[in-house]
Structure formats: structure tokens, C-alpha cells
Amino acid sequence: MFADPQTVTISGAANTLARTGISTSVGTFSKDDGLVGLAVGQSLGRRNRRSIRLNHRKIAADPFDSSVNAEYSMSAYLVVDTPKVGYTVAEAKAVVDALVAYLAASTGAKVTQLLGGEL
């Protein structure tokens, strides 16, 4: 079980996320203002899918009418899909570590390319 609270740093600002929910398949954590949330989940079946998702909301000026504020939201998540047997936790972790390192290399250049729509 993930500890309560969790901390996520966005643009240098640490966000403390308290546990706000738990079930057999999902644990959720949220910032006190509700603008940042984390969900950790699993779906066990023919294949095992485990995920972690960071949700973010903000209030900003409407680009079509700067006198009006609008709410915007986004999320980023990682899903690990493994067969029931055939991979140990250590082997699956090595694959996830490789992806995370690839995305973080060169100060996140690959993430920038991804978000820029490059294929």
C-alpha cells in the first residue's frame, strides 16, 4: 500500500496529496484544493494491468475571452501490462525503468517531442 500522504513535485512546487480513497483496485490521493490528484490502480484478469495516474487542474483566462476564467485539466499516466506468468517483478521493473530513463534523458527531450506531436 502506498503511504499516506504522497508528494508530487510540479515545476519545483511540492504538492502533498492525502489519501482520499481506497478499494481493492484503486487508491486515490488528492491535494487539499483538489487541483492535483494521484490514482494508483490495478486490474487483474487474463493479463495484469497496473497503473499510476497524475491528474492536474488549473484555472486560467479563456483564450477567446480574457475577461473570463475557465477550468482546464490534464492527466499523465503509466500503465504496465504483464501476463499472469512469465515475468518476475524484477524483470517487469527493468522494462519500466528503461522507459522512464528514456523519457527523462537529455532533460526530458523525448517527452518534449511526444507533447509536440512528433511520431
Protein backbone atom coordinates (compact mmCIF):
# COMPACT_ATOMS: atom_id res chain seq x y z
CA MET A 1 0.00 0.00 0.00
CA PHE A 2 1.28 3.46 -0.89
CA ALA A 3 1.99 5.59 2.18
CA ASP A 4 -0.27 8.46 3.18
CA PRO A 5 0.48 11.20 2.17
CA GLN A 6 2.23 11.16 -1.21
CA THR A 7 4.23 14.13 -2.52
CA VAL A 8 4.43 15.10 -6.19
CA THR A 9 6.61 18.00 -7.35
CA ILE A 10 5.37 20.00 -10.35
CA SER A 11 7.54 22.85 -11.70
CA GLY A 12 9.55 22.89 -8.48
CA ALA A 13 6.50 23.09 -6.19
CA ALA A 14 5.88 20.15 -3.86
CA ASN A 15 2.24 19.05 -3.64
CA THR A 16 1.24 16.99 -0.61
CA LEU A 17 -1.52 14.56 -1.55
CA ALA A 18 -3.53 12.96 1.26
CA ARG A 19 -5.22 9.59 0.79
CA THR A 20 -8.82 10.22 -0.24
CA GLY A 21 -9.91 6.73 -1.22
CA ILE A 22 -9.05 3.05 -1.18
CA SER A 23 -10.68 -0.03 -2.64
CA THR A 24 -9.48 -3.43 -3.80
CA SER A 25 -8.47 -1.97 -7.17
CA VAL A 26 -7.74 1.76 -6.74
CA GLY A 27 -6.07 4.03 -4.20
CA THR A 28 -6.51 7.79 -4.60
CA PHE A 29 -4.67 10.78 -3.19
CA SER A 30 -5.59 14.47 -3.56
CA LYS A 31 -4.25 17.89 -2.72
CA ASP A 32 -6.40 19.84 -0.28
CA ASP A 33 -7.54 22.25 -3.03
CA GLY A 34 -8.42 19.37 -5.39
CA LEU A 35 -6.18 20.63 -8.19
CA VAL A 36 -3.71 17.72 -8.08
CA GLY A 37 -4.59 14.06 -7.69
CA LEU A 38 -2.89 10.70 -7.93
CA ALA A 39 -4.59 7.37 -8.62
CA VAL A 40 -2.85 4.01 -8.27
CA GLY A 41 -4.79 1.09 -9.69
CA GLN A 42 -4.75 -2.48 -10.83
CA SER A 43 -6.92 -4.72 -12.95
CA LEU A 44 -6.23 -8.41 -12.60
CA GLY A 45 -7.62 -10.74 -15.25
CA ARG A 46 -6.25 -12.55 -18.28
CA ARG A 47 -3.43 -10.01 -18.07
CA ASN A 48 -2.43 -7.88 -15.12
CA ARG A 49 -2.63 -4.13 -15.68
CA ARG A 50 -1.23 -1.78 -13.10
CA SER A 51 -1.34 1.97 -13.48
CA ILE A 52 -0.42 5.23 -11.84
CA ARG A 53 -2.07 8.43 -12.99
CA LEU A 54 -1.40 12.07 -12.12
CA ASN A 55 -4.35 14.41 -12.64
CA HIS A 56 -3.93 18.18 -12.76
CA ARG A 57 -6.48 21.01 -12.97
CA LYS A 58 -5.99 24.77 -13.24
CA ILE A 59 -7.99 27.95 -13.64
CA ALA A 60 -6.75 30.31 -16.36
CA ALA A 61 -8.00 33.00 -18.68
CA ASP A 62 -10.19 31.82 -21.54
CA PRO A 63 -8.12 32.30 -24.73
CA PHE A 64 -11.23 33.56 -26.55
CA ASP A 65 -12.34 35.97 -23.81
CA SER A 66 -9.58 37.07 -21.42
CA SER A 67 -12.15 38.61 -19.05
CA VAL A 68 -13.45 35.10 -18.26
CA ASN A 69 -11.61 32.37 -16.42
CA ALA A 70 -12.05 28.73 -17.39
CA GLU A 71 -11.03 25.42 -15.85
CA TYR A 72 -8.58 23.21 -17.71
CA SER A 73 -7.40 19.73 -16.84
CA MET A 74 -4.91 17.12 -17.97
CA SER A 75 -3.52 13.81 -16.83
CA ALA A 76 -0.39 11.76 -17.34
CA TYR A 77 -0.20 8.09 -16.60
CA LEU A 78 1.84 4.96 -16.90
CA VAL A 79 0.25 1.57 -17.49
CA VAL A 80 2.19 -1.66 -17.08
CA ASP A 81 0.54 -4.63 -18.81
CA THR A 82 2.01 -8.04 -17.99
CA PRO A 83 0.91 -11.63 -18.48
CA LYS A 84 -0.16 -13.54 -15.36
CA VAL A 85 3.07 -15.56 -15.55
CA GLY A 86 6.36 -15.22 -17.41
CA TYR A 87 7.80 -12.03 -15.91
CA THR A 88 9.08 -11.56 -12.40
CA VAL A 89 8.52 -8.24 -10.65
CA ALA A 90 12.24 -7.50 -11.13
CA GLU A 91 12.08 -8.21 -14.89
CA ALA A 92 8.98 -6.03 -15.35
CA LYS A 93 10.58 -3.28 -13.26
CA ALA A 94 13.64 -3.35 -15.53
CA VAL A 95 11.42 -2.66 -18.55
CA VAL A 96 9.59 0.18 -16.75
CA ASP A 97 12.91 1.63 -15.54
CA ALA A 98 14.17 1.61 -19.14
CA LEU A 99 11.12 3.55 -20.37
CA VAL A 100 11.30 6.10 -17.54
CA ALA A 101 15.04 6.62 -18.11
CA TYR A 102 14.48 7.00 -21.87
CA LEU A 103 11.84 9.69 -21.26
CA ALA A 104 13.96 11.52 -18.65
CA ALA A 105 17.22 11.51 -20.66
CA SER A 106 18.53 14.77 -22.09
CA THR A 107 16.38 16.82 -19.73
CA GLY A 108 13.19 15.24 -20.99
CA ALA A 109 13.77 15.81 -24.71
CA LYS A 110 11.67 12.76 -25.66
CA VAL A 111 8.73 14.00 -23.58
CA THR A 112 9.00 17.35 -25.33
CA GLN A 113 8.94 15.58 -28.70
CA LEU A 114 5.95 13.49 -27.63
CA LEU A 115 3.99 16.53 -26.40
CA GLY A 116 4.94 18.39 -29.59
CA GLY A 117 3.17 15.72 -31.64
CA GLU A 118 6.24 14.13 -33.18
CA LEU A 119 5.95 10.49 -34.24
